[in-house]
C-alpha atoms as a PDB file:
ATOM      1  CA  MET A   1      68.029 -54.123 -33.195  1.00  0.00           C
ATOM      2  CA  VAL A   2      64.246 -54.559 -33.676  1.00  0.00           C
ATOM      3  CA  GLN A   3      62.699 -56.467 -30.802  1.00  0.00           C
ATOM      4  CA  GLN A   4      60.678 -59.532 -31.716  1.00  0.00           C
ATOM      5  CA  PRO A   5      58.272 -60.813 -29.019  1.00  0.00           C
ATOM      6  CA  ASP A   6      57.882 -64.451 -27.980  1.00  0.00           C
ATOM      7  CA  LEU A   7      54.424 -65.096 -29.276  1.00  0.00           C
ATOM      8  CA  THR A   8      53.998 -68.254 -27.385  1.00  0.00           C
ATOM      9  CA  LEU A   9      54.827 -66.699 -24.117  1.00  0.00           C
ATOM     10  CA  LEU A  10      52.821 -63.465 -25.014  1.00  0.00           C
ATOM     11  CA  SER A  11      49.808 -65.480 -26.014  1.00  0.00           C
ATOM     12  CA  ARG A  12      49.874 -67.455 -22.825  1.00  0.00           C
ATOM     13  CA  GLU A  13      50.208 -64.348 -20.614  1.00  0.00           C
ATOM     14  CA  ALA A  14      47.549 -62.484 -22.556  1.00  0.00           C
ATOM     15  CA  VAL A  15      45.103 -65.349 -22.547  1.00  0.00           C
ATOM     16  CA  ARG A  16      45.476 -65.554 -18.807  1.00  0.00           C
ATOM     17  CA  ALA A  17      44.800 -61.856 -18.504  1.00  0.00           C
ATOM     18  CA  ILE A  18      41.691 -62.115 -20.691  1.00  0.00           C
ATOM     19  CA  ARG A  19      40.249 -64.887 -18.508  1.00  0.00           C
ATOM     20  CA  CYS A  20      40.706 -62.540 -15.551  1.00  0.00           C
ATOM     21  CA  MET A  21      38.880 -59.855 -17.550  1.00  0.00           C
ATOM     22  CA  GLY A  22      35.936 -62.185 -18.259  1.00  0.00           C
ATOM     23  CA  ILE A  23      35.907 -61.867 -21.962  1.00  0.00           C
ATOM     24  CA  PRO A  24      33.084 -63.823 -23.619  1.00  0.00           C
ATOM     25  CA  SER A  25      34.032 -66.877 -25.577  1.00  0.00           C
ATOM     26  CA  LYS A  26      33.563 -67.184 -29.327  1.00  0.00           C
ATOM     27  CA  PRO A  27      29.799 -66.743 -29.905  1.00  0.00           C
ATOM     28  CA  ASP A  28      27.811 -69.767 -30.801  1.00  0.00           C
ATOM     29  CA  ILE A  29      26.444 -68.210 -34.036  1.00  0.00           C
ATOM     30  CA  LEU A  30      29.995 -67.612 -35.154  1.00  0.00           C
ATOM     31  CA  ILE A  31      31.053 -71.252 -34.288  1.00  0.00           C
ATOM     32  CA  LYS A  32      28.247 -72.492 -36.542  1.00  0.00           C
ATOM     33  CA  LEU A  33      28.931 -70.155 -39.299  1.00  0.00           C
ATOM     34  CA  THR A  34      32.550 -71.122 -39.303  1.00  0.00           C
ATOM     35  CA  ARG A  35      31.652 -74.725 -39.341  1.00  0.00           C
ATOM     36  CA  GLU A  36      29.443 -74.228 -42.418  1.00  0.00           C
ATOM     37  CA  LEU A  37      32.007 -72.008 -44.179  1.00  0.00           C
ATOM     38  CA  ASP A  38      34.630 -74.784 -43.842  1.00  0.00           C
ATOM     39  CA  ASN A  39      32.569 -77.178 -45.871  1.00  0.00           C
ATOM     40  CA  ASP A  40      33.478 -77.776 -49.456  1.00  0.00           C
ATOM     41  CA  ASN A  41      30.094 -76.436 -50.690  1.00  0.00           C
ATOM     42  CA  PRO A  42      28.720 -74.080 -48.048  1.00  0.00           C
ATOM     43  CA  ASN A  43      24.931 -73.914 -47.992  1.00  0.00           C
ATOM     44  CA  TYR A  44      23.757 -70.376 -48.669  1.00  0.00           C
ATOM     45  CA  ILE A  45      20.233 -71.229 -47.248  1.00  0.00           C
ATOM     46  CA  VAL A  46      21.650 -72.586 -44.014  1.00  0.00           C
ATOM     47  CA  ILE A  47      23.917 -69.592 -43.578  1.00  0.00           C
ATOM     48  CA  GLY A  48      21.219 -67.070 -44.470  1.00  0.00           C
ATOM     49  CA  LYS A  49      18.835 -68.631 -41.836  1.00  0.00           C
ATOM     50  CA  LEU A  50      21.542 -68.635 -39.378  1.00  0.00           C
ATOM     51  CA  VAL A  51      22.335 -65.033 -39.725  1.00  0.00           C
ATOM     52  CA  GLU A  52      18.676 -63.931 -40.022  1.00  0.00           C
ATOM     53  CA  SER A  53      17.939 -65.733 -36.757  1.00  0.00           C
ATOM     54  CA  ASP A  54      19.328 -62.650 -34.973  1.00  0.00           C
ATOM     55  CA  VAL A  55      17.224 -59.604 -36.209  1.00  0.00           C
ATOM     56  CA  ALA A  56      19.598 -57.045 -34.720  1.00  0.00           C
ATOM     57  CA  LEU A  57      22.686 -58.495 -36.384  1.00  0.00           C
ATOM     58  CA  SER A  58      20.940 -58.902 -39.754  1.00  0.00           C
ATOM     59  CA  ALA A  59      19.911 -55.178 -39.570  1.00  0.00           C
ATOM     60  CA  ALA A  60      23.425 -54.178 -38.664  1.00  0.00           C
ATOM     61  CA  ILE A  61      24.838 -56.185 -41.485  1.00  0.00           C
ATOM     62  CA  LEU A  62      22.514 -54.663 -44.103  1.00  0.00           C
ATOM     63  CA  LYS A  63      23.222 -51.142 -42.802  1.00  0.00           C
ATOM     64  CA  THR A  64      26.919 -51.802 -43.228  1.00  0.00           C
ATOM     65  CA  VAL A  65      26.781 -53.287 -46.632  1.00  0.00           C
ATOM     66  CA  ASN A  66      24.458 -50.494 -47.911  1.00  0.00           C
ATOM     67  CA  SER A  67      26.601 -47.657 -46.696  1.00  0.00           C
ATOM     68  CA  ALA A  68      28.225 -45.383 -49.259  1.00  0.00           C
ATOM     69  CA  LEU A  69      31.616 -46.734 -48.337  1.00  0.00           C
ATOM     70  CA  TYR A  70      30.779 -50.080 -49.833  1.00  0.00           C
ATOM     71  CA  GLY A  71      29.908 -48.301 -53.115  1.00  0.00           C
ATOM     72  CA  LEU A  72      27.003 -50.626 -54.236  1.00  0.00           C
ATOM     73  CA  ARG A  73      24.908 -49.184 -56.980  1.00  0.00           C
ATOM     74  CA  ARG A  74      21.618 -50.337 -55.422  1.00  0.00           C
ATOM     75  CA  LYS A  75      20.451 -51.189 -51.936  1.00  0.00           C
ATOM     76  CA  ILE A  76      20.557 -54.733 -50.777  1.00  0.00           C
ATOM     77  CA  PRO A  77      17.370 -55.648 -49.005  1.00  0.00           C
ATOM     78  CA  SER A  78      18.276 -59.143 -47.587  1.00  0.00           C
ATOM     79  CA  ILE A  79      21.090 -61.173 -46.191  1.00  0.00           C
ATOM     80  CA  ASN A  80      20.767 -63.733 -49.043  1.00  0.00           C
ATOM     81  CA  GLN A  81      21.295 -61.001 -51.503  1.00  0.00           C
ATOM     82  CA  ALA A  82      24.181 -59.634 -49.508  1.00  0.00           C
ATOM     83  CA  MET A  83      25.839 -63.024 -49.541  1.00  0.00           C
ATOM     84  CA  THR A  84      25.202 -63.275 -53.428  1.00  0.00           C
ATOM     85  CA  MET A  85      26.576 -59.976 -54.248  1.00  0.00           C
ATOM     86  CA  LEU A  86      29.389 -59.593 -51.727  1.00  0.00           C
ATOM     87  CA  GLY A  87      30.213 -63.321 -51.019  1.00  0.00           C
ATOM     88  CA  LEU A  88      29.843 -65.500 -48.021  1.00  0.00           C
ATOM     89  CA  ARG A  89      33.349 -64.570 -46.662  1.00  0.00           C
ATOM     90  CA  THR A  90      32.638 -60.863 -46.810  1.00  0.00           C
ATOM     91  CA  VAL A  91      29.436 -61.166 -44.855  1.00  0.00           C
ATOM     92  CA  ALA A  92      31.002 -63.570 -42.469  1.00  0.00           C
ATOM     93  CA  GLN A  93      33.851 -61.051 -41.839  1.00  0.00           C
ATOM     94  CA  ILE A  94      31.399 -58.233 -41.208  1.00  0.00           C
ATOM     95  CA  LEU A  95      29.284 -60.467 -38.834  1.00  0.00           C
ATOM     96  CA  THR A  96      32.454 -61.269 -36.887  1.00  0.00           C
ATOM     97  CA  GLY A  97      33.279 -57.681 -36.266  1.00  0.00           C
ATOM     98  CA  LEU A  98      29.627 -56.903 -35.276  1.00  0.00           C
ATOM     99  CA  LEU A  99      29.650 -59.825 -32.859  1.00  0.00           C
ATOM    100  CA  LEU A 100      32.876 -58.490 -31.324  1.00  0.00           C
ATOM    101  CA  GLN A 101      31.176 -55.132 -30.802  1.00  0.00           C
ATOM    102  CA  GLN A 102      28.176 -56.725 -29.286  1.00  0.00           C
ATOM    103  CA  ALA A 103      30.164 -58.886 -26.883  1.00  0.00           C
ATOM    104  CA  LEU A 104      32.421 -56.101 -25.647  1.00  0.00           C
ATOM    105  CA  THR A 105      29.581 -53.511 -25.491  1.00  0.00           C
ATOM    106  CA  ALA A 106      27.585 -55.943 -23.232  1.00  0.00           C
ATOM    107  CA  MET A 107      30.443 -56.211 -20.718  1.00  0.00           C
ATOM    108  CA  SER A 108      31.468 -52.588 -20.720  1.00  0.00           C
ATOM    109  CA  LYS A 109      30.744 -50.209 -17.883  1.00  0.00           C
ATOM    110  CA  GLU A 110      31.831 -47.215 -19.788  1.00  0.00           C
ATOM    111  CA  GLY A 111      28.510 -46.438 -21.540  1.00  0.00           C
ATOM    112  CA  PRO A 112      28.586 -43.443 -23.922  1.00  0.00           C
ATOM    113  CA  SER A 113      32.493 -43.406 -24.035  1.00  0.00           C
ATOM    114  CA  MET A 114      32.265 -46.851 -25.606  1.00  0.00           C
ATOM    115  CA  ASP A 115      29.454 -45.835 -28.079  1.00  0.00           C
ATOM    116  CA  LYS A 116      31.925 -43.274 -29.335  1.00  0.00           C
ATOM    117  CA  PHE A 117      34.785 -45.744 -29.424  1.00  0.00           C
ATOM    118  CA  TRP A 118      32.723 -48.153 -31.538  1.00  0.00           C
ATOM    119  CA  ASP A 119      31.432 -45.506 -33.810  1.00  0.00           C
ATOM    120  CA  ASN A 120      34.971 -44.466 -34.585  1.00  0.00           C
ATOM    121  CA  SER A 121      36.040 -48.085 -34.925  1.00  0.00           C
ATOM    122  CA  ALA A 122      33.157 -48.721 -37.454  1.00  0.00           C
ATOM    123  CA  THR A 123      34.160 -45.607 -39.465  1.00  0.00           C
ATOM    124  CA  ILE A 124      37.755 -46.650 -39.628  1.00  0.00           C
ATOM    125  CA  ALA A 125      36.750 -50.118 -40.602  1.00  0.00           C
ATOM    126  CA  SER A 126      34.558 -48.841 -43.475  1.00  0.00           C
ATOM    127  CA  ILE A 127      37.182 -46.430 -44.721  1.00  0.00           C
ATOM    128  CA  SER A 128      39.822 -49.248 -44.588  1.00  0.00           C
ATOM    129  CA  ALA A 129      37.586 -51.373 -46.843  1.00  0.00           C
ATOM    130  CA  LEU A 130      37.196 -48.650 -49.236  1.00  0.00           C
ATOM    131  CA  LEU A 131      40.974 -47.919 -49.355  1.00  0.00           C
ATOM    132  CA  ALA A 132      41.640 -51.694 -49.782  1.00  0.00           C
ATOM    133  CA  GLN A 133      39.450 -51.658 -52.943  1.00  0.00           C
ATOM    134  CA  LYS A 134      41.095 -48.559 -54.388  1.00  0.00           C
ATOM    135  CA  LEU A 135      44.622 -49.574 -53.588  1.00  0.00           C
ATOM    136  CA  ARG A 136      44.161 -53.275 -54.291  1.00  0.00           C
ATOM    137  CA  ILE A 137      46.525 -53.980 -51.342  1.00  0.00           C
ATOM    138  CA  CYS A 138      44.314 -56.489 -49.418  1.00  0.00           C
ATOM    139  CA  PRO A 139      40.801 -58.003 -49.417  1.00  0.00           C
ATOM    140  CA  ALA A 140      38.221 -55.322 -48.542  1.00  0.00           C
ATOM    141  CA  ASP A 141      36.411 -57.565 -46.144  1.00  0.00           C
ATOM    142  CA  GLU A 142      39.510 -58.442 -44.216  1.00  0.00           C
ATOM    143  CA  ALA A 143      40.382 -54.661 -43.982  1.00  0.00           C
ATOM    144  CA  TYR A 144      37.044 -54.172 -42.520  1.00  0.00           C
ATOM    145  CA  THR A 145      37.272 -56.753 -39.860  1.00  0.00           C
ATOM    146  CA  PHE A 146      40.723 -55.596 -38.920  1.00  0.00           C
ATOM    147  CA  GLY A 147      39.630 -52.042 -38.658  1.00  0.00           C
ATOM    148  CA  LEU A 148      37.206 -53.131 -36.072  1.00  0.00           C
ATOM    149  CA  PHE A 149      39.460 -55.628 -34.154  1.00  0.00           C
ATOM    150  CA  GLN A 150      42.686 -53.758 -34.044  1.00  0.00           C
ATOM    151  CA  ASP A 151      41.994 -51.901 -30.920  1.00  0.00           C
ATOM    152  CA  CYS A 152      39.682 -54.355 -29.377  1.00  0.00           C
ATOM    153  CA  GLY A 153      41.981 -54.707 -26.353  1.00  0.00           C
ATOM    154  CA  ILE A 154      41.206 -51.147 -25.321  1.00  0.00           C
ATOM    155  CA  PRO A 155      37.776 -51.646 -23.834  1.00  0.00           C
ATOM    156  CA  LEU A 156      39.090 -54.828 -22.133  1.00  0.00           C
ATOM    157  CA  MET A 157      42.089 -52.909 -20.579  1.00  0.00           C
ATOM    158  CA  MET A 158      39.723 -50.084 -19.643  1.00  0.00           C
ATOM    159  CA  GLY A 159      37.314 -52.408 -17.877  1.00  0.00           C
ATOM    160  CA  CYS A 160      40.121 -53.924 -15.951  1.00  0.00           C
ATOM    161  CA  HIS A 161      42.177 -50.813 -14.929  1.00  0.00           C
ATOM    162  CA  THR A 162      40.595 -47.766 -13.494  1.00  0.00           C
ATOM    163  CA  ASP A 163      43.461 -45.528 -14.483  1.00  0.00           C
ATOM    164  CA  TYR A 164      43.758 -46.866 -17.973  1.00  0.00           C
ATOM    165  CA  GLN A 165      42.303 -43.892 -19.725  1.00  0.00           C
ATOM    166  CA  LYS A 166      45.138 -41.692 -18.171  1.00  0.00           C
ATOM    167  CA  ILE A 167      47.835 -44.011 -19.462  1.00  0.00           C
ATOM    168  CA  LEU A 168      46.060 -44.008 -22.942  1.00  0.00           C
ATOM    169  CA  THR A 169      46.224 -40.268 -23.047  1.00  0.00           C
ATOM    170  CA  VAL A 170      50.001 -40.487 -22.313  1.00  0.00           C
ATOM    171  CA  ALA A 171      50.599 -43.090 -24.922  1.00  0.00           C
ATOM    172  CA  ASN A 172      48.687 -41.093 -27.476  1.00  0.00           C
ATOM    173  CA  VAL A 173      51.193 -38.232 -27.181  1.00  0.00           C
ATOM    174  CA  SER A 174      54.441 -40.104 -26.693  1.00  0.00           C
ATOM    175  CA  MET A 175      56.955 -39.564 -29.609  1.00  0.00           C
ATOM    176  CA  ASP A 176      59.882 -41.346 -28.028  1.00  0.00           C
ATOM    177  CA  LYS A 177      58.226 -44.587 -27.141  1.00  0.00           C
ATOM    178  CA  ILE A 178      56.127 -47.139 -28.894  1.00  0.00           C
ATOM    179  CA  PHE A 179      52.484 -46.773 -27.934  1.00  0.00           C
ATOM    180  CA  THR A 180      52.362 -50.249 -26.327  1.00  0.00           C
ATOM    181  CA  GLU A 181      55.562 -49.652 -24.325  1.00  0.00           C
ATOM    182  CA  VAL A 182      53.790 -46.896 -22.347  1.00  0.00           C
ATOM    183  CA  GLU A 183      51.065 -49.424 -21.383  1.00  0.00           C
ATOM    184  CA  ASP A 184      53.583 -52.127 -20.595  1.00  0.00           C
ATOM    185  CA  GLU A 185      55.399 -49.827 -18.078  1.00  0.00           C
ATOM    186  CA  SER A 186      52.113 -49.383 -16.137  1.00  0.00           C
ATOM    187  CA  PHE A 187      50.396 -52.755 -16.584  1.00  0.00           C
ATOM    188  CA  THR A 188      52.905 -55.255 -17.870  1.00  0.00           C
ATOM    189  CA  LEU A 189      50.279 -55.929 -20.665  1.00  0.00           C
ATOM    190  CA  ASN A 190      49.054 -53.815 -23.503  1.00  0.00           C
ATOM    191  CA  HIS A 191      45.916 -53.583 -25.580  1.00  0.00           C
ATOM    192  CA  SER A 192      47.585 -55.010 -28.659  1.00  0.00           C
ATOM    193  CA  ALA A 193      48.598 -58.230 -26.757  1.00  0.00           C
ATOM    194  CA  VAL A 194      45.129 -58.522 -25.323  1.00  0.00           C
ATOM    195  CA  GLY A 195      43.578 -58.022 -28.714  1.00  0.00           C
ATOM    196  CA  PHE A 196      46.012 -60.562 -30.227  1.00  0.00           C
ATOM    197  CA  ALA A 197      44.901 -63.313 -27.807  1.00  0.00           C
ATOM    198  CA  LEU A 198      41.072 -62.438 -28.277  1.00  0.00           C
ATOM    199  CA  ALA A 199      41.363 -62.576 -31.942  1.00  0.00           C
ATOM    200  CA  ASP A 200      43.254 -65.921 -31.756  1.00  0.00           C
ATOM    201  CA  SER A 201      40.585 -67.300 -29.414  1.00  0.00           C
ATOM    202  CA  TRP A 202      37.868 -66.268 -31.801  1.00  0.00           C
ATOM    203  CA  GLY A 203      39.502 -68.028 -34.731  1.00  0.00           C
ATOM    204  CA  LEU A 204      40.622 -65.049 -36.867  1.00  0.00           C
ATOM    205  CA  PRO A 205      43.473 -65.900 -39.278  1.00  0.00           C
ATOM    206  CA  GLU A 206      46.965 -65.786 -37.740  1.00  0.00           C
ATOM    207  CA  TYR A 207      48.132 -63.024 -39.969  1.00  0.00           C
ATOM    208  CA  MET A 208      45.152 -60.772 -38.679  1.00  0.00           C
ATOM    209  CA  SER A 209      45.983 -61.707 -35.066  1.00  0.00           C
ATOM    210  CA  GLN A 210      49.615 -60.807 -35.773  1.00  0.00           C
ATOM    211  CA  ALA A 211      48.494 -57.488 -37.325  1.00  0.00           C
ATOM    212  CA  ILE A 212      46.630 -56.628 -34.105  1.00  0.00           C
ATOM    213  CA  LEU A 213      49.736 -57.414 -32.097  1.00  0.00           C
ATOM    214  CA  HIS A 214      52.174 -55.351 -34.102  1.00  0.00           C
ATOM    215  CA  HIS A 215      50.045 -52.397 -35.309  1.00  0.00           C
ATOM    216  CA  HIS A 216      51.823 -49.901 -33.192  1.00  0.00           C
ATOM    217  CA  ASN A 217      55.435 -51.277 -33.768  1.00  0.00           C
ATOM    218  CA  PHE A 218      56.372 -49.271 -36.896  1.00  0.00           C
ATOM    219  CA  GLN A 219      60.100 -49.879 -36.395  1.00  0.00           C
ATOM    220  CA  LEU A 220      59.551 -53.583 -36.583  1.00  0.00           C
ATOM    221  CA  LEU A 221      57.066 -53.193 -39.564  1.00  0.00           C
ATOM    222  CA  ALA A 222      59.573 -51.023 -41.561  1.00  0.00           C
ATOM    223  CA  SER A 223      62.507 -53.393 -40.956  1.00  0.00           C
ATOM    224  CA  ASP A 224      63.418 -56.374 -43.140  1.00  0.00           C
ATOM    225  CA  SER A 225      62.321 -58.785 -40.415  1.00  0.00           C
ATOM    226  CA  THR A 226      60.071 -61.628 -41.862  1.00  0.00           C
ATOM    227  CA  CYS A 227      58.529 -62.247 -38.418  1.00  0.00           C
ATOM    228  CA  VAL A 228      55.443 -60.152 -39.374  1.00  0.00           C
ATOM    229  CA  PRO A 229      53.648 -61.652 -42.383  1.00  0.00           C
ATOM    230  CA  ALA A 230      53.174 -59.564 -45.414  1.00  0.00           C
ATOM    231  CA  GLN A 231      49.477 -59.818 -45.084  1.00  0.00           C
ATOM    232  CA  SER A 232      49.660 -58.440 -41.568  1.00  0.00           C
ATOM    233  CA  LYS A 233      51.733 -55.404 -42.807  1.00  0.00           C
ATOM    234  CA  GLN A 234      49.074 -54.731 -45.641  1.00  0.00           C
ATOM    235  CA  LEU A 235      46.220 -54.623 -43.073  1.00  0.00           C
ATOM    236  CA  ILE A 236      48.186 -52.364 -40.709  1.00  0.00           C
ATOM    237  CA  CYS A 237      49.088 -50.139 -43.656  1.00  0.00           C
ATOM    238  CA  VAL A 238      45.507 -49.715 -44.889  1.00  0.00           C
ATOM    239  CA  THR A 239      44.001 -49.026 -41.469  1.00  0.00           C
ATOM    240  CA  LEU A 240      46.787 -46.389 -40.756  1.00  0.00           C
ATOM    241  CA  LEU A 241      45.927 -44.590 -43.887  1.00  0.00           C
ATOM    242  CA  ALA A 242      42.293 -44.894 -42.937  1.00  0.00           C
ATOM    243  CA  GLU A 243      42.880 -43.165 -39.547  1.00  0.00           C
ATOM    244  CA  ARG A 244      44.674 -40.316 -41.315  1.00  0.00           C
ATOM    245  CA  VAL A 245      41.978 -39.946 -43.829  1.00  0.00           C
ATOM    246  CA  LEU A 246      39.450 -39.587 -40.960  1.00  0.00           C
ATOM    247  CA  GLN A 247      41.661 -37.169 -39.163  1.00  0.00           C
ATOM    248  CA  LEU A 248      41.809 -34.950 -42.237  1.00  0.00           C
ATOM    249  CA  HIS A 249      38.089 -35.294 -43.040  1.00  0.00           C
ATOM    250  CA  THR A 250      37.009 -34.349 -39.555  1.00  0.00           C
ATOM    251  CA  LYS A 251      39.905 -31.864 -39.091  1.00  0.00           C
ATOM    252  CA  ARG A 252      40.997 -33.546 -35.934  1.00  0.00           C
ATOM    253  CA  ALA A 253      44.548 -33.033 -34.595  1.00  0.00           C
ATOM    254  CA  GLN A 254      47.153 -35.281 -36.059  1.00  0.00           C
ATOM    255  CA  THR A 255      48.077 -38.161 -33.667  1.00  0.00           C
ATOM    256  CA  VAL A 256      51.858 -39.059 -33.131  1.00  0.00           C
ATOM    257  CA  GLU A 257      51.052 -42.453 -34.690  1.00  0.00           C
ATOM    258  CA  TRP A 258      50.823 -40.969 -38.137  1.00  0.00           C
ATOM    259  CA  PRO A 259      54.371 -39.370 -38.175  1.00  0.00           C
ATOM    260  CA  LYS A 260      55.703 -42.607 -36.656  1.00  0.00           C
ATOM    261  CA  GLY A 261      54.045 -44.812 -39.367  1.00  0.00           C
ATOM    262  CA  GLN A 262      53.724 -42.485 -42.376  1.00  0.00           C
ATOM    263  CA  GLU A 263      56.905 -43.604 -44.184  1.00  0.00           C
ATOM    264  CA  PHE A 264      55.981 -47.382 -43.572  1.00  0.00           C
ATOM    265  CA  ALA A 265      52.413 -46.767 -44.895  1.00  0.00           C
ATOM    266  CA  PHE A 266      53.470 -44.824 -47.983  1.00  0.00           C
ATOM    267  CA  ARG A 267      56.104 -47.291 -49.029  1.00  0.00           C
ATOM    268  CA  MET A 268      53.684 -50.281 -48.570  1.00  0.00           C
ATOM    269  CA  ALA A 269      50.908 -48.733 -50.495  1.00  0.00           C
ATOM    270  CA  ASN A 270      53.315 -47.219 -53.111  1.00  0.00           C
ATOM    271  CA  LEU A 271      51.991 -43.673 -52.299  1.00  0.00           C
ATOM    272  CA  ASP A 272      53.573 -40.230 -51.927  1.00  0.00           C
ATOM    273  CA  GLU A 273      52.099 -37.054 -50.295  1.00  0.00           C
ATOM    274  CA  GLY A 274      50.437 -35.974 -53.505  1.00  0.00           C
ATOM    275  CA  LYS A 275      48.794 -39.316 -54.321  1.00  0.00           C
ATOM    276  CA  PHE A 276      47.677 -39.704 -50.808  1.00  0.00           C
ATOM    277  CA  GLU A 277      46.068 -36.188 -50.714  1.00  0.00           C
ATOM    278  CA  ALA A 278      44.202 -37.092 -53.949  1.00  0.00           C
ATOM    279  CA  LEU A 279      43.066 -40.381 -52.452  1.00  0.00           C
ATOM    280  CA  ALA A 280      42.093 -38.776 -49.121  1.00  0.00           C
ATOM    281  CA  SER A 281      39.982 -36.175 -51.056  1.00  0.00           C
ATOM    282  CA  GLU A 282      38.101 -39.010 -52.977  1.00  0.00           C
ATOM    283  CA  VAL A 283      37.321 -40.840 -49.785  1.00  0.00           C
ATOM    284  CA  SER A 284      36.321 -37.610 -47.983  1.00  0.00           C
ATOM    285  CA  GLU A 285      33.649 -36.955 -50.782  1.00  0.00           C
ATOM    286  CA  VAL A 286      32.178 -40.532 -50.013  1.00  0.00           C
ATOM    287  CA  LEU A 287      32.146 -39.766 -46.323  1.00  0.00           C
ATOM    288  CA  GLY A 288      30.331 -36.520 -47.036  1.00  0.00           C
ATOM    289  CA  ALA A 289      27.672 -38.475 -48.857  1.00  0.00           C
ATOM    290  CA  GLU A 290      27.000 -40.726 -45.798  1.00  0.00           C
END
């Protein structure tokens, strides 16, 4: 029988753990942005000025939307044009992911290893957005945000446990256990649960928080259980495919997560091996143009 976690209990325990880790609360700029987006008629000028008040974030947003993976025919020179062409929600989702990176990088003691982590997360997020567009399985902006957030618990766990990297290595090669089970055995908490609570506290949609929580539990995802929303499964599917595309493009060794989740991802995206190889080749060409 597939185990379904008690989300109320899990959230309470993970929130307590996050407080001990000293995770920053939802940034003020994101609170103001969310408040404006919740209006019946959001004010583009107000939102533009809000985003542009942080020069570094504005530059990071424009770098993201102008990447080859977004497929725009011409470069976007300003935040206002980005909002006009891509929509307020898309820019807000990108901003949320960048603020997450900024917040966790500021509290990290890992230095260069975290730079590599975020570079990888950003690439996965961009590939996820591109795949979402091609497969029409979920909104591209949501796929991008989930790609950045799905493993956000890892730097938090790493900062809290000196031996976490060792356990992470074990979890990465374990075929007989769910990734998070390996973490639970050592810490009674895992990066997915921590990420779930963080995303929830930052006001991400519930289905995205649940996707973060369940993204390693392929047994549950492949079952007929309705405890995981369809939108959550779609996000997990796209990001798993994105991770595999990146592995193929960089010729990295296949992780055990792909054979664990391949059947689920192919069924969810209506793909087979041949269709996926063609899709991966298309995306790899775009990556090569970056």
